[in-house]
Amino acid sequence: MSTEKNYERLFRFCRPLVHVMYPFRVIGLENIPEGAALICPNHSNWSDPFIIAIALGLDKRCHPLAKEETRSIPVFGKILEGVGAIFVNRGEADIEAYKSCIRVLKNGEKLLAFPEGTRVHGDDVKPVKTGVIRMAARTGAPIVPVYIHRDKKAFRRVDVVFGEPYTVGRAGHADYEPLARDLMDRIMALKDTI
């Protein structure tokens, strides 16, 4: 079965469950461009990729980036493989994962990537990864900053805010870190729009 069909089946199965567990309100869905885009939310909870994917809807299917360790989780790893997730070895330059991401974007598809690279709780601050910026600079794909509540509680409303897409242009190596910090600033600024 194709990844598109698997994605659709998982989407239809998860949508009612996600809406019950984390009822959410979506703001700014009109900001999602057609074609390739890097969908970049902050990350604090295992539920974030599910909430974002359901909020986007089936017509805006995205390939999630996932840490390599999740591939070995029984059932869950197979589900991620089936929906077209790209697995990344964190802490090293994973060239194959990077090439897969570039392929997805050059094919005009969307990539769901968390710039923080890990779950961050409350007001904790972690160094931001530069991978998203590198991919955006290489492909010209727009970045969509997304804010999702950090402190989620089951059965309480969660707000998901999609910000305006932007491009980074022809950024070079020296630009990656400042641009990554700017992306996180854009993400966190969306909190004020709720």
Foldseek 3Di string as FASTA:
>chain_A
DALLVLQVVVLVVCLVVCCQFANEDEADLVQDDFFEEEEEEAAADPCVVSVVQNNNPSVQDAAEEAEPVQLPDPPRNVSSVSNHHQYDHPPDPPPVSLVSSLVCRVVRHYYYYYQQNDHDADPDDGQGHLSVLVSLLVRVHWYWAKYWDNDDGTRDYIYIYTHHTDGDYNDDPVCRRVVRVVSVVVNVVCVVVD
